[in-house]
Amino acid sequence: MRILLTGNSPFCNTGYGVQPAQLALELRGLGHQVAIFAYYGLEGGIIYWNDIPIYPNPGGDYGATWAERIYNHFKADCLITLIDVWIMGMQSENCKWFPWTPIDHEPMPPGVYSVLKNHPGIYKTIAMSQFGEKEMKRLKIDCFYVPHMIDCNAYYPNLEIRKIQRENVGWTDKFVIGKVGTNVRERKDWTSAFLALSKFKKYHDDVMMYCHTDPSESRGRNLQALRENLMIQDVTRFPSMVEMKLTGISSLTMNNMYNSLDVYLSNSKGEGFGIPTIEAESAGVPVIVSNNTAQPELCGGGWILKRMIPEFDEQSSWEGRADPDEIVEYLEEAYQEKKTGKLAERKIAAREKALEYDIPVVVEKYWKPVIAEIEKMIQAPRKKPKRKGEYARSRR
């Protein structure tokens, strides 16, 4: 089967770059011919990466305009897109489309529902989380379930790495919190995280927080100004912007960083999946996650924030902001458990959870049967379903 994937360029060390790159290699290993349409991260012309053609995006609409032309040029049998589905809603109905899409609100936003329910090109949707699968089934949207996958051999706990990394940055005796996420539209809720840190550091003078983000992103918050306002600039660190924006940050560097942490914080307002949470757990780091969307299902031996503050956003649905005081409560638990040694038990549980998403596990358990089913679907005569319906609403 000839499969066209969409995502970021495989040279982009982002979830939207790494996931299609890993999937392309695994699908090729299963005997399929694969290409990637890089809607971001490549310009100029087709290049070959590991003998896999990578198409650039001549337009600026995340590939909706050009997907059909590239689909035809590659002579693809099906199209698997990794992107928010509402962005691709205007694309042609002539591609046999299987959107692998995040659901990061509760309930599913009207724009997402409209595309998944009504677009004539969609053969079947692929949910990337159990939450997304449940939400689709609630709304009578036929779907597969295939979670994201990570390389648990690249992200792994190592006491020697931890010791060296913490010595190199002067964190030997610190309680180190980590948070990874884009600084766009405040979906990762950096404000609540910083508010919590400003309170937590009043109780302890040995706290440090590594913030893997661009603090000056124009579409987000000015995190430099925010941390100065909250007087936490001495206990927060950002990555090198040269590495983040130009040279890239490798999985080796990220694994070293995760190993330096005592706890990982994901108080996101909503996640379609949550790759950094699994990466942290794979490195043996217990996590604190919000009780919304896909996040609780990823938590192994950590803490789940219960007090969600609902926020209605521009997608006409709900996100959940964490209570900074509850974040402080769980940080305090982690701090005390580090002293007593109990945190070591959570580290083991974190690693065990991450192994559920290791590449060989996800390929064998999910992708192989799903791809086999897709192959049957596209070969069989198809009667296009009657698409109808307005957004059937409501919160549970």
Protein backbone atom coordinates (compact mmCIF):
# COMPACT_ATOMS: atom_id res chain seq x y z
CA MET A 1 0.00 0.00 0.00
CA ARG A 2 1.19 3.53 -0.77
CA ILE A 3 0.63 5.77 2.25
CA LEU A 4 0.97 9.55 2.36
CA LEU A 5 1.50 10.95 5.87
CA THR A 6 1.26 14.61 6.81
CA GLY A 7 3.08 16.31 9.66
CA ASN A 8 6.09 18.49 10.33
CA SER A 9 9.34 17.73 8.58
CA PRO A 10 11.16 14.77 10.21
CA PHE A 11 13.96 17.24 10.98
CA CYS A 12 11.65 19.06 13.42
CA ASN A 13 12.08 17.73 16.94
CA THR A 14 8.41 18.27 17.76
CA GLY A 15 5.57 15.82 18.29
CA TYR A 16 4.24 16.70 14.86
CA GLY A 17 7.68 15.96 13.38
CA VAL A 18 8.83 12.94 15.39
CA GLN A 19 5.57 10.97 15.23
CA PRO A 20 5.20 10.87 11.41
CA ALA A 21 8.94 10.22 11.07
CA GLN A 22 8.75 7.21 13.40
CA LEU A 23 5.54 6.00 11.79
CA ALA A 24 6.98 6.30 8.26
CA LEU A 25 9.93 4.11 9.19
CA GLU A 26 7.73 1.53 10.90
CA LEU A 27 5.22 1.37 8.03
CA ARG A 28 8.06 0.92 5.57
CA GLY A 29 9.29 -1.91 7.76
CA LEU A 30 5.86 -3.52 7.39
CA GLY A 31 6.30 -3.49 3.61
CA HIS A 32 4.43 -0.31 2.65
CA GLN A 33 5.65 2.57 0.50
CA VAL A 34 5.51 5.83 2.41
CA ALA A 35 5.94 9.56 1.79
CA ILE A 36 5.60 12.52 4.12
CA PHE A 37 3.93 15.80 3.19
CA ALA A 38 5.71 18.25 5.50
CA TYR A 39 3.25 21.09 5.96
CA TYR A 40 5.92 22.77 8.12
CA GLY A 41 9.71 22.60 8.21
CA LEU A 42 10.69 22.22 4.55
CA GLU A 43 10.83 24.54 1.55
CA GLY A 44 12.04 24.39 -2.01
CA GLY A 45 11.42 20.87 -3.29
CA ILE A 46 11.26 17.16 -2.57
CA ILE A 47 14.09 15.70 -0.55
CA TYR A 48 14.71 12.12 0.56
CA TRP A 49 15.12 11.15 4.20
CA ASN A 50 16.07 7.51 4.78
CA ASP A 51 14.94 6.97 1.16
CA ILE A 52 11.49 8.30 2.06
CA PRO A 53 10.29 11.25 -0.08
CA ILE A 54 9.50 14.38 1.89
CA TYR A 55 7.29 16.90 0.10
CA PRO A 56 7.35 20.61 1.02
CA ASN A 57 4.25 22.73 1.46
CA PRO A 58 4.09 25.52 -1.14
CA GLY A 59 1.11 27.13 0.61
CA GLY A 60 0.53 28.41 4.12
CA ASP A 61 -2.62 26.55 5.09
CA TYR A 62 -1.05 23.49 6.75
CA GLY A 63 -1.43 21.50 3.56
CA ALA A 64 -5.17 21.63 2.96
CA THR A 65 -4.77 23.14 -0.52
CA TRP A 66 -1.93 20.92 -1.72
CA ALA A 67 -2.73 17.59 -0.09
CA GLU A 68 -4.69 16.23 -3.07
CA ARG A 69 -2.00 17.20 -5.60
CA ILE A 70 0.74 15.55 -3.57
CA TYR A 71 -1.53 12.56 -2.94
CA ASN A 72 -1.93 12.17 -6.71
CA HIS A 73 1.74 12.77 -7.47
CA PHE A 74 2.79 10.05 -5.03
CA LYS A 75 -0.07 7.85 -6.33
CA ALA A 76 -1.10 7.28 -2.74
CA ASP A 77 -3.72 4.73 -1.74
CA CYS A 78 -4.59 6.59 1.45
CA LEU A 79 -3.83 9.75 3.40
CA ILE A 80 -3.09 9.79 7.14
CA THR A 81 -2.92 13.30 8.57
CA LEU A 82 -1.42 14.29 11.91
CA ILE A 83 -2.93 17.69 12.58
CA ASP A 84 -6.00 19.29 14.14
CA VAL A 85 -8.74 18.10 11.84
CA TRP A 86 -10.62 21.40 11.60
CA ILE A 87 -7.57 22.91 9.85
CA MET A 88 -7.92 20.36 7.04
CA GLY A 89 -11.68 20.68 6.67
CA MET A 90 -11.47 22.47 3.31
CA GLN A 91 -9.31 19.86 1.63
CA SER A 92 -10.53 17.77 -1.31
CA GLU A 93 -12.88 14.84 -0.84
CA ASN A 94 -10.92 12.85 -3.43
CA CYS A 95 -8.28 11.58 -0.98
CA LYS A 96 -9.03 8.45 1.04
CA TRP A 97 -8.55 10.24 4.30
CA PHE A 98 -7.84 8.77 7.73
CA PRO A 99 -7.26 11.71 10.11
CA TRP A 100 -5.11 10.84 13.13
CA THR A 101 -6.34 13.74 15.14
CA PRO A 102 -6.20 15.19 18.65
CA ILE A 103 -9.29 15.91 20.73
CA ASP A 104 -8.10 18.38 23.34
CA HIS A 105 -11.38 19.89 24.59
CA GLU A 106 -14.35 18.53 26.47
CA PRO A 107 -16.77 18.24 24.80
CA MET A 108 -15.43 17.97 21.23
CA PRO A 109 -15.49 21.47 19.66
CA PRO A 110 -18.21 22.11 17.04
CA GLY A 111 -15.66 22.71 14.27
CA VAL A 112 -13.97 19.39 14.94
CA TYR A 113 -17.25 17.52 15.11
CA SER A 114 -18.45 19.08 11.85
CA VAL A 115 -15.41 17.89 9.89
CA LEU A 116 -15.29 14.40 11.41
CA LYS A 117 -18.99 13.85 10.90
CA ASN A 118 -19.54 15.52 7.55
CA HIS A 119 -16.38 15.52 5.43
CA PRO A 120 -17.00 13.14 2.50
CA GLY A 121 -13.32 12.22 2.14
CA ILE A 122 -13.00 10.69 5.61
CA TYR A 123 -13.08 6.90 5.58
CA LYS A 124 -12.46 6.48 9.30
CA THR A 125 -10.89 8.60 12.02
CA ILE A 126 -7.93 7.53 14.17
CA ALA A 127 -8.10 8.68 17.82
CA MET A 128 -4.72 9.23 19.47
CA SER A 129 -6.00 8.93 23.04
CA GLN A 130 -8.52 6.88 24.95
CA PHE A 131 -10.25 10.14 25.83
CA GLY A 132 -10.51 11.05 22.13
CA GLU A 133 -11.84 7.59 21.30
CA LYS A 134 -14.47 7.84 24.03
CA GLU A 135 -15.55 11.30 22.89
CA MET A 136 -15.82 10.18 19.25
CA LYS A 137 -17.86 7.13 20.15
CA ARG A 138 -20.15 9.24 22.32
CA LEU A 139 -20.89 11.33 19.24
CA LYS A 140 -21.28 8.29 16.96
CA ILE A 141 -18.06 8.93 15.03
CA ASP A 142 -16.48 5.71 13.81
CA CYS A 143 -12.83 5.52 14.80
CA PHE A 144 -9.73 3.45 15.44
CA TYR A 145 -7.54 4.02 18.49
CA VAL A 146 -3.77 4.35 18.01
CA PRO A 147 -1.80 6.25 20.67
CA HIS A 148 1.41 8.12 20.07
CA MET A 149 4.62 6.20 20.58
CA ILE A 150 8.04 7.02 21.95
CA ASP A 151 11.42 5.35 21.88
CA CYS A 152 11.90 4.05 25.42
CA ASN A 153 15.50 3.19 24.54
CA ALA A 154 16.16 6.89 23.88
CA TYR A 155 14.34 8.03 27.04
CA TYR A 156 15.44 5.96 30.01
CA PRO A 157 16.42 6.44 33.67
CA ASN A 158 20.13 6.62 34.37
CA LEU A 159 21.55 7.60 37.78
CA GLU A 160 24.95 8.46 36.36
CA ILE A 161 23.43 10.81 33.77
CA ARG A 162 21.33 12.36 36.54
CA LYS A 163 24.39 12.96 38.73
CA ILE A 164 26.50 14.47 35.95
CA GLN A 165 23.68 16.61 34.55
CA ARG A 166 22.78 18.07 37.93
CA GLU A 167 26.42 18.76 38.76
CA ASN A 168 26.94 20.49 35.40
CA VAL A 169 24.10 22.96 35.98
CA GLY A 170 24.55 23.36 39.73
CA TRP A 171 21.42 21.49 40.78
CA THR A 172 23.03 18.77 42.90
CA ASP A 173 21.10 19.66 46.05
CA LYS A 174 18.02 21.13 44.39
CA PHE A 175 14.45 19.90 44.12
CA VAL A 176 13.97 20.23 40.37
CA ILE A 177 10.62 20.62 38.60
CA GLY A 178 10.35 20.37 34.81
CA LYS A 179 7.74 21.49 32.32
CA VAL A 180 7.85 21.15 28.51
CA GLY A 181 5.41 22.84 26.16
CA THR A 182 4.80 25.50 23.60
CA ASN A 183 4.14 29.07 24.72
CA VAL A 184 1.19 29.69 22.40
CA ARG A 185 -2.25 30.85 23.51
CA GLU A 186 -1.58 29.79 27.09
CA ARG A 187 -2.90 26.25 26.47
CA LYS A 188 0.02 24.86 28.47
CA ASP A 189 -0.98 27.21 31.30
CA TRP A 190 2.44 28.59 32.16
CA THR A 191 0.76 31.26 34.27
CA SER A 192 -0.67 28.77 36.77
CA ALA A 193 2.65 26.90 36.87
CA PHE A 194 4.57 30.10 37.62
CA LEU A 195 2.02 31.18 40.23
CA ALA A 196 2.41 27.79 41.93
CA LEU A 197 6.21 28.04 41.82
CA SER A 198 6.14 31.53 43.33
CA LYS A 199 4.16 30.14 46.29
CA PHE A 200 6.13 26.91 46.61
CA LYS A 201 9.52 28.61 46.74
CA LYS A 202 8.41 30.54 49.82
CA TYR A 203 8.44 27.24 51.72
CA HIS A 204 11.72 25.92 50.32
CA ASP A 205 14.95 27.61 49.30
CA ASP A 206 16.27 24.65 47.30
CA VAL A 207 13.77 24.70 44.41
CA MET A 208 14.51 25.04 40.69
CA MET A 209 12.22 24.83 37.64
CA TYR A 210 13.35 24.06 34.09
CA CYS A 211 10.94 25.51 31.52
CA HIS A 212 11.41 24.01 28.06
CA THR A 213 9.73 26.69 25.97
CA ASP A 214 10.29 29.97 24.16
CA PRO A 215 9.67 32.64 26.82
CA SER A 216 9.28 35.40 24.23
CA GLU A 217 6.93 33.70 21.74
CA SER A 218 4.72 36.43 20.28
CA ARG A 219 1.61 34.21 20.31
CA GLY A 220 1.91 33.46 24.00
CA ARG A 221 2.81 35.11 27.29
CA ASN A 222 5.94 37.13 27.94
CA LEU A 223 7.31 34.60 30.39
CA GLN A 224 10.42 36.67 31.08
CA ALA A 225 8.21 39.49 32.30
CA LEU A 226 5.90 37.11 34.16
CA ARG A 227 8.69 35.47 36.13
CA GLU A 228 10.15 38.86 37.03
CA ASN A 229 6.73 40.04 38.18
CA LEU A 230 6.42 36.96 40.41
CA MET A 231 10.09 37.24 41.49
CA ILE A 232 11.01 33.71 40.41
CA GLN A 233 13.70 34.58 37.85
CA ASP A 234 16.36 33.12 40.15
CA VAL A 235 14.64 29.71 40.29
CA THR A 236 13.62 29.31 36.64
CA ARG A 237 15.69 28.34 33.62
CA PHE A 238 14.89 28.34 29.89
CA PRO A 239 16.73 26.46 27.12
CA SER A 240 19.16 28.06 24.71
CA MET A 241 17.13 29.76 21.99
CA VAL A 242 19.94 29.05 19.51
CA GLU A 243 19.42 25.34 20.10
CA MET A 244 15.63 25.54 20.24
CA LYS A 245 15.18 27.67 17.11
CA LEU A 246 18.23 26.86 14.97
CA THR A 247 20.33 23.81 15.75
CA GLY A 248 17.60 21.71 17.36
CA ILE A 249 17.56 19.87 20.67
CA SER A 250 18.23 16.15 20.40
CA SER A 251 16.48 13.32 22.20
CA LEU A 252 19.81 12.69 23.97
CA THR A 253 19.81 16.21 25.38
CA MET A 254 16.15 15.90 26.34
CA ASN A 255 16.76 12.58 28.09
CA ASN A 256 19.61 14.17 30.05
CA MET A 257 17.26 16.98 31.04
CA TYR A 258 14.46 14.63 32.12
CA ASN A 259 16.92 12.64 34.21
CA SER A 260 17.87 15.79 36.09
CA LEU A 261 14.27 16.31 37.28
CA ASP A 262 12.59 15.20 40.47
CA VAL A 263 9.05 15.75 39.18
CA TYR A 264 7.47 16.71 35.86
CA LEU A 265 4.53 19.15 35.77
CA SER A 266 1.87 19.03 33.04
CA ASN A 267 -0.92 21.35 34.11
CA SER A 268 -2.06 21.84 30.51
CA LYS A 269 -5.58 23.10 29.85
CA GLY A 270 -6.09 20.26 27.38
CA GLU A 271 -4.02 17.65 25.54
CA GLY A 272 -4.71 15.59 22.45
CA PHE A 273 -2.10 13.20 23.83
CA GLY A 274 0.86 14.62 25.80
CA ILE A 275 4.17 13.27 24.49
CA PRO A 276 6.48 15.04 27.00
CA THR A 277 4.57 13.41 29.86
CA ILE A 278 5.43 9.95 28.51
CA GLU A 279 9.02 11.00 27.73
CA ALA A 280 9.46 12.15 31.33
CA GLU A 281 7.96 8.93 32.69
CA SER A 282 10.14 6.87 30.38
CA ALA A 283 13.15 8.58 32.00
CA GLY A 284 11.72 7.53 35.37
CA VAL A 285 10.27 10.89 36.40
CA PRO A 286 6.94 10.98 38.30
CA VAL A 287 4.40 13.38 36.81
CA ILE A 288 1.73 15.79 37.98
CA VAL A 289 -1.01 16.08 35.35
CA SER A 290 -4.34 17.86 35.05
CA ASN A 291 -7.57 15.91 35.27
CA ASN A 292 -8.73 16.76 31.77
CA THR A 293 -8.73 15.28 28.25
CA ALA A 294 -5.99 12.66 27.65
CA GLN A 295 -3.79 13.52 30.60
CA PRO A 296 -5.07 11.18 33.37
CA GLU A 297 -4.66 8.09 31.16
CA LEU A 298 -0.94 8.83 30.83
CA CYS A 299 -0.25 9.10 34.56
CA GLY A 300 1.60 6.17 36.10
CA GLY A 301 2.23 6.45 39.82
CA GLY A 302 2.09 10.25 39.84
CA TRP A 303 -0.52 12.80 40.81
CA ILE A 304 -3.69 14.00 39.06
CA LEU A 305 -4.81 17.58 39.71
CA LYS A 306 -8.52 17.47 40.54
CA ARG A 307 -9.59 21.10 40.82
CA MET A 308 -10.10 22.16 37.23
CA ILE A 309 -11.28 25.71 36.55
CA PRO A 310 -13.37 25.65 33.33
CA GLU A 311 -12.56 28.14 30.57
CA PHE A 312 -14.59 28.59 27.37
CA ASP A 313 -12.26 29.31 24.48
CA GLU A 314 -12.21 30.37 20.82
CA GLN A 315 -13.15 26.86 19.64
CA SER A 316 -16.48 27.20 21.46
CA SER A 317 -15.70 24.45 23.91
CA TRP A 318 -14.14 23.99 27.32
CA GLU A 319 -10.62 23.71 28.63
CA GLY A 320 -9.59 23.17 32.25
CA ARG A 321 -7.12 25.42 34.05
CA ALA A 322 -5.37 24.04 37.12
CA ASP A 323 -5.60 25.59 40.58
CA PRO A 324 -2.11 26.86 41.52
CA ASP A 325 -2.73 25.99 45.17
CA GLU A 326 -3.38 22.36 44.28
CA ILE A 327 -0.19 22.27 42.22
CA VAL A 328 1.64 23.48 45.34
CA GLU A 329 0.05 20.68 47.40
CA TYR A 330 1.34 17.99 45.05
CA LEU A 331 4.76 19.62 44.70
CA GLU A 332 4.99 19.51 48.48
CA GLU A 333 4.08 15.81 48.50
CA ALA A 334 6.78 15.11 45.93
CA TYR A 335 9.29 17.20 47.87
CA GLN A 336 8.64 15.28 51.09
CA GLU A 337 8.64 11.91 49.32
CA LYS A 338 12.05 12.68 47.87
CA LYS A 339 13.33 13.13 51.41
CA THR A 340 11.78 9.90 52.67
CA GLY A 341 12.72 7.86 49.60
CA LYS A 342 9.13 7.08 48.70
CA LEU A 343 9.51 8.97 45.41
CA ALA A 344 11.59 6.03 44.15
CA GLU A 345 8.43 3.88 44.03
CA ARG A 346 6.73 6.45 41.83
CA LYS A 347 9.74 6.48 39.51
CA ILE A 348 9.34 2.75 38.89
CA ALA A 349 5.61 3.14 38.20
CA ALA A 350 6.35 6.03 35.81
CA ARG A 351 8.73 3.94 33.73
CA GLU A 352 6.26 1.03 33.64
CA LYS A 353 3.53 3.33 32.32
CA ALA A 354 5.80 4.71 29.60
CA LEU A 355 6.67 1.22 28.35
CA GLU A 356 3.02 0.84 27.31
CA TYR A 357 3.77 3.42 24.60
CA ASP A 358 7.13 2.07 23.42
CA ILE A 359 7.43 1.96 19.61
CA PRO A 360 7.40 -1.86 19.19
CA VAL A 361 4.37 -2.16 21.51
CA VAL A 362 2.30 0.48 19.69
CA VAL A 363 3.22 -0.84 16.24
CA GLU A 364 2.39 -4.45 17.07
CA LYS A 365 -0.72 -3.82 19.18
CA TYR A 366 -2.27 -0.92 17.29
CA TRP A 367 -0.73 0.10 13.96
CA LYS A 368 -0.43 -3.36 12.40
CA PRO A 369 -4.13 -4.28 12.80
CA VAL A 370 -5.28 -0.74 11.94
CA ILE A 371 -3.21 -0.59 8.74
CA ALA A 372 -4.51 -4.03 7.76
CA GLU A 373 -8.07 -2.79 8.28
CA ILE A 374 -7.36 0.39 6.30
CA GLU A 375 -6.06 -1.72 3.41
CA LYS A 376 -9.29 -3.72 3.38
CA MET A 377 -11.41 -0.58 3.54
CA ILE A 378 -9.79 1.18 0.58
CA GLN A 379 -9.93 -1.94 -1.59
CA ALA A 380 -13.63 -2.57 -0.97
CA PRO A 381 -16.32 -0.67 -2.91
CA ARG A 382 -17.40 2.27 -0.83
CA LYS A 383 -20.83 3.73 -0.52
CA LYS A 384 -20.29 7.21 0.78
CA PRO A 385 -22.20 7.68 4.03
CA LYS A 386 -24.91 10.26 4.27
CA ARG A 387 -23.32 13.17 6.09
CA LYS A 388 -25.66 15.15 8.18
CA GLY A 389 -26.09 16.68 11.52
CA GLU A 390 -25.32 19.69 13.49
CA TYR A 391 -23.15 19.63 16.51
CA ALA A 392 -24.91 17.55 19.08
CA ARG A 393 -23.74 19.32 21.92
CA SER A 394 -23.38 19.33 25.56
CA ARG A 395 -21.05 18.56 28.35
CA ARG A 396 -21.39 15.26 30.05
